[in-house]
Amino acid sequence: MKSPALVLAGLALAALAGCASNAPEERFYTLSAVAMADAPLARAAYSVSVGPVSVPEAVDRPQLVLRRAPNRVEILEQARWAAPLPSGIAQVVAANLTHLLGGARVAAYPQSAVADPDYRVAVDVQRFESAPGAAASLDALWTIRSAKGALVRAGRSTIDEPARGGDTEALVAAHDRALAALSRDIARALPAARPAALP
């Protein structure tokens, strides 16, 4: 006959196993470049490095953060970014610019494969909000500098992209479209030639 201590230990292990099997499944999300129907805005024969990218501390975490009210957010413990948000944004903007600047060599910083780029694009995200069933909101300051550090252009992009659905996937897809709009703003501001060829 089993001792009461062994029986209790067995019950405790069974309970733990049951809890583990009922634990919510973690889901991982990535930002993605949007397949753009528009033709390249320019044919650029130069190189661009995208980054660094900074984001607000409230969203600079693995978990997705949802805006529930003007002064309340919800951190989704089981819904996480597969990569840090700043590097994900840089990768997507770089991929979008590759399409928008046909012929340009574009890569994300710091993994940039472009040595001594002709232009460096830095992005300071002021607002990156996810409102379920409403919109993905992006407010970003960006600067374009030449290889020598001279300021070429600075701008601000404020975008509210409707979320087409009430789930997390719809919000992430809305952020993809907002980043595509940001990329278009940056592409339009980039010069048509390399810095050395400018007057």
Protein backbone atom coordinates (compact mmCIF):
# COMPACT_ATOMS: atom_id res chain seq x y z
CA MET A 1 0.00 0.00 0.00
CA LYS A 2 1.28 3.43 -0.97
CA SER A 3 2.03 5.95 1.74
CA PRO A 4 -0.17 9.08 1.94
CA ALA A 5 2.88 11.21 1.09
CA LEU A 6 3.43 9.33 -2.17
CA VAL A 7 -0.24 9.61 -3.07
CA LEU A 8 -0.20 13.37 -2.44
CA ALA A 9 2.98 13.78 -4.48
CA GLY A 10 1.42 11.86 -7.36
CA LEU A 11 -1.71 14.01 -7.24
CA ALA A 12 0.40 17.17 -7.21
CA LEU A 13 2.36 16.01 -10.28
CA ALA A 14 -0.86 15.12 -12.08
CA ALA A 15 -2.29 18.54 -11.29
CA LEU A 16 0.86 20.24 -12.59
CA ALA A 17 0.74 18.19 -15.78
CA GLY A 18 -2.89 19.16 -16.26
CA CYS A 19 -2.06 22.84 -15.79
CA ALA A 20 0.80 22.58 -18.28
CA SER A 21 -1.42 21.00 -20.92
CA ASN A 22 -4.04 23.75 -20.44
CA ALA A 23 -1.52 26.61 -20.61
CA PRO A 24 -2.34 29.15 -23.33
CA GLU A 25 -0.31 28.67 -26.48
CA GLU A 26 2.21 31.41 -27.25
CA ARG A 27 1.90 33.02 -30.69
CA PHE A 28 4.74 34.87 -32.40
CA TYR A 29 4.28 37.67 -34.92
CA THR A 30 6.54 39.34 -37.45
CA LEU A 31 6.19 42.58 -39.33
CA SER A 32 6.34 42.07 -43.10
CA ALA A 33 6.96 44.15 -46.19
CA VAL A 34 3.76 44.82 -48.11
CA ALA A 35 3.52 43.65 -51.70
CA MET A 36 3.24 47.04 -53.39
CA ALA A 37 1.35 47.35 -56.64
CA ASP A 38 2.84 50.78 -57.34
CA ALA A 39 5.85 50.98 -59.63
CA PRO A 40 9.21 52.10 -58.19
CA LEU A 41 9.20 55.81 -57.43
CA ALA A 42 12.77 56.16 -58.72
CA ARG A 43 15.62 54.26 -60.30
CA ALA A 44 18.37 54.87 -57.80
CA ALA A 45 21.96 53.72 -58.24
CA TYR A 46 23.06 54.28 -54.68
CA SER A 47 23.09 52.50 -51.31
CA VAL A 48 20.96 53.11 -48.22
CA SER A 49 21.25 51.88 -44.65
CA VAL A 50 18.05 51.95 -42.58
CA GLY A 51 18.56 52.46 -38.86
CA PRO A 52 18.92 52.85 -36.06
CA VAL A 53 15.23 52.72 -35.24
CA SER A 54 13.95 53.70 -31.79
CA VAL A 55 10.49 53.01 -30.36
CA PRO A 56 8.66 54.17 -27.20
CA GLU A 57 9.59 52.24 -24.05
CA ALA A 58 5.98 51.17 -23.54
CA VAL A 59 6.10 48.99 -26.67
CA ASP A 60 9.81 48.11 -26.66
CA ARG A 61 9.18 44.64 -25.27
CA PRO A 62 8.61 41.13 -26.65
CA GLN A 63 4.87 41.21 -25.91
CA LEU A 64 2.34 42.98 -28.09
CA VAL A 65 0.79 45.98 -26.36
CA LEU A 66 -2.84 46.88 -27.07
CA ARG A 67 -4.40 50.29 -26.51
CA ARG A 68 -7.63 49.65 -24.57
CA ALA A 69 -8.45 53.23 -23.48
CA PRO A 70 -6.76 56.64 -23.58
CA ASN A 71 -4.92 55.85 -20.33
CA ARG A 72 -4.91 52.05 -20.34
CA VAL A 73 -3.01 49.40 -22.25
CA GLU A 74 -3.01 45.61 -22.15
CA ILE A 75 0.18 43.58 -22.48
CA LEU A 76 -0.49 40.29 -24.24
CA GLU A 77 1.77 37.74 -22.53
CA GLN A 78 0.95 35.01 -25.05
CA ALA A 79 1.30 37.19 -28.19
CA ARG A 80 4.90 38.15 -28.85
CA TRP A 81 7.10 39.68 -31.52
CA ALA A 82 9.43 37.11 -33.03
CA ALA A 83 12.20 39.76 -33.18
CA PRO A 84 12.80 43.03 -31.31
CA LEU A 85 10.42 45.68 -32.61
CA PRO A 86 13.12 48.21 -33.66
CA SER A 87 14.95 45.67 -35.83
CA GLY A 88 11.65 44.39 -37.27
CA ILE A 89 10.70 47.93 -38.32
CA ALA A 90 14.13 48.53 -39.86
CA GLN A 91 13.94 45.28 -41.85
CA VAL A 92 10.49 46.10 -43.21
CA VAL A 93 11.34 49.69 -44.17
CA ALA A 94 14.51 48.45 -45.89
CA ALA A 95 12.54 45.82 -47.84
CA ASN A 96 9.92 48.39 -48.86
CA LEU A 97 12.59 50.89 -49.96
CA THR A 98 14.25 48.18 -52.06
CA HIS A 99 11.04 48.02 -54.09
CA LEU A 100 10.36 51.75 -54.13
CA LEU A 101 13.91 52.65 -55.20
CA GLY A 102 14.48 50.27 -58.07
CA GLY A 103 18.19 49.59 -58.36
CA ALA A 104 19.19 50.92 -54.94
CA ARG A 105 21.04 48.66 -52.52
CA VAL A 106 19.13 48.90 -49.24
CA ALA A 107 19.80 47.05 -45.99
CA ALA A 108 18.85 47.38 -42.34
CA TYR A 109 21.26 48.55 -39.65
CA PRO A 110 23.14 47.03 -37.82
CA GLN A 111 22.99 43.86 -39.94
CA SER A 112 23.56 46.05 -42.97
CA ALA A 113 25.35 44.36 -45.84
CA VAL A 114 25.94 47.82 -47.31
CA ALA A 115 29.43 49.08 -46.42
CA ASP A 116 29.72 52.88 -46.28
CA PRO A 117 26.19 53.60 -47.56
CA ASP A 118 25.53 56.74 -49.58
CA TYR A 119 22.57 57.56 -47.33
CA ARG A 120 21.61 56.65 -43.76
CA VAL A 121 17.97 56.73 -42.69
CA ALA A 122 17.26 56.97 -38.95
CA VAL A 123 13.72 56.53 -37.64
CA ASP A 124 12.48 57.70 -34.23
CA VAL A 125 9.03 56.21 -33.64
CA GLN A 126 7.06 58.50 -31.34
CA ARG A 127 3.88 56.40 -31.31
CA PHE A 128 3.28 52.75 -32.21
CA GLU A 129 -0.23 51.90 -31.05
CA SER A 130 -2.48 48.92 -31.62
CA ALA A 131 -6.20 49.48 -31.04
CA PRO A 132 -8.14 46.22 -31.60
CA GLY A 133 -10.99 46.58 -34.08
CA ALA A 134 -9.93 50.15 -34.83
CA ALA A 135 -6.48 50.98 -36.18
CA ALA A 136 -2.72 50.66 -36.05
CA SER A 137 -1.25 54.11 -35.44
CA LEU A 138 2.27 55.18 -36.29
CA ASP A 139 3.91 58.54 -35.71
CA ALA A 140 7.58 58.66 -36.71
CA LEU A 141 10.29 61.29 -37.10
CA TRP A 142 12.91 60.38 -39.69
CA THR A 143 16.14 61.84 -40.99
CA ILE A 144 18.19 61.16 -44.09
CA ARG A 145 21.92 61.87 -43.87
CA SER A 146 24.69 61.57 -46.42
CA ALA A 147 27.68 59.29 -45.97
CA LYS A 148 29.55 62.23 -44.42
CA GLY A 149 26.76 62.90 -41.93
CA ALA A 150 25.26 65.98 -43.58
CA LEU A 151 21.51 66.30 -43.11
CA VAL A 152 19.79 65.78 -46.46
CA ARG A 153 16.16 65.76 -45.37
CA ALA A 154 14.05 65.36 -42.24
CA GLY A 155 10.37 64.65 -41.96
CA ARG A 156 7.50 63.30 -39.92
CA SER A 157 4.98 60.65 -40.91
CA THR A 158 1.72 60.25 -39.00
CA ILE A 159 -0.39 57.32 -40.14
CA ASP A 160 -3.60 55.69 -38.87
CA GLU A 161 -4.19 52.44 -40.74
CA PRO A 162 -7.60 50.78 -40.17
CA ALA A 163 -7.43 47.25 -38.81
CA ARG A 164 -9.49 45.03 -41.10
CA GLY A 165 -10.77 42.73 -38.39
CA GLY A 166 -10.74 42.52 -34.62
CA ASP A 167 -7.95 40.00 -34.08
CA THR A 168 -4.23 40.35 -33.51
CA GLU A 169 -3.36 39.25 -37.05
CA ALA A 170 -5.42 42.15 -38.43
CA LEU A 171 -3.57 44.62 -36.22
CA VAL A 172 -0.15 43.33 -37.29
CA ALA A 173 -1.21 43.52 -40.95
CA ALA A 174 -2.36 47.12 -40.36
CA HIS A 175 1.09 47.94 -38.96
CA ASP A 176 2.60 46.44 -42.13
CA ARG A 177 0.53 48.86 -44.23
CA ALA A 178 1.43 51.81 -41.95
CA LEU A 179 5.13 51.00 -42.39
CA ALA A 180 4.59 50.85 -46.15
CA ALA A 181 3.21 54.41 -46.02
CA LEU A 182 6.19 55.52 -43.92
CA SER A 183 8.53 53.91 -46.47
CA ARG A 184 6.85 55.84 -49.32
CA ASP A 185 7.39 59.12 -47.46
CA ILE A 186 11.07 58.33 -47.01
CA ALA A 187 11.49 57.15 -50.62
CA ARG A 188 10.00 60.40 -51.94
CA ALA A 189 12.45 62.39 -49.79
CA LEU A 190 15.57 60.52 -50.89
CA PRO A 191 17.54 62.34 -53.62
CA ALA A 192 17.66 61.03 -57.16
CA ALA A 193 21.45 60.74 -57.14
CA ARG A 194 24.37 59.83 -54.93
CA PRO A 195 25.70 62.64 -52.69
CA ALA A 196 28.86 63.03 -54.80
CA ALA A 197 26.76 63.67 -57.88
CA LEU A 198 24.70 66.40 -56.22
CA PRO A 199 25.62 70.04 -56.87
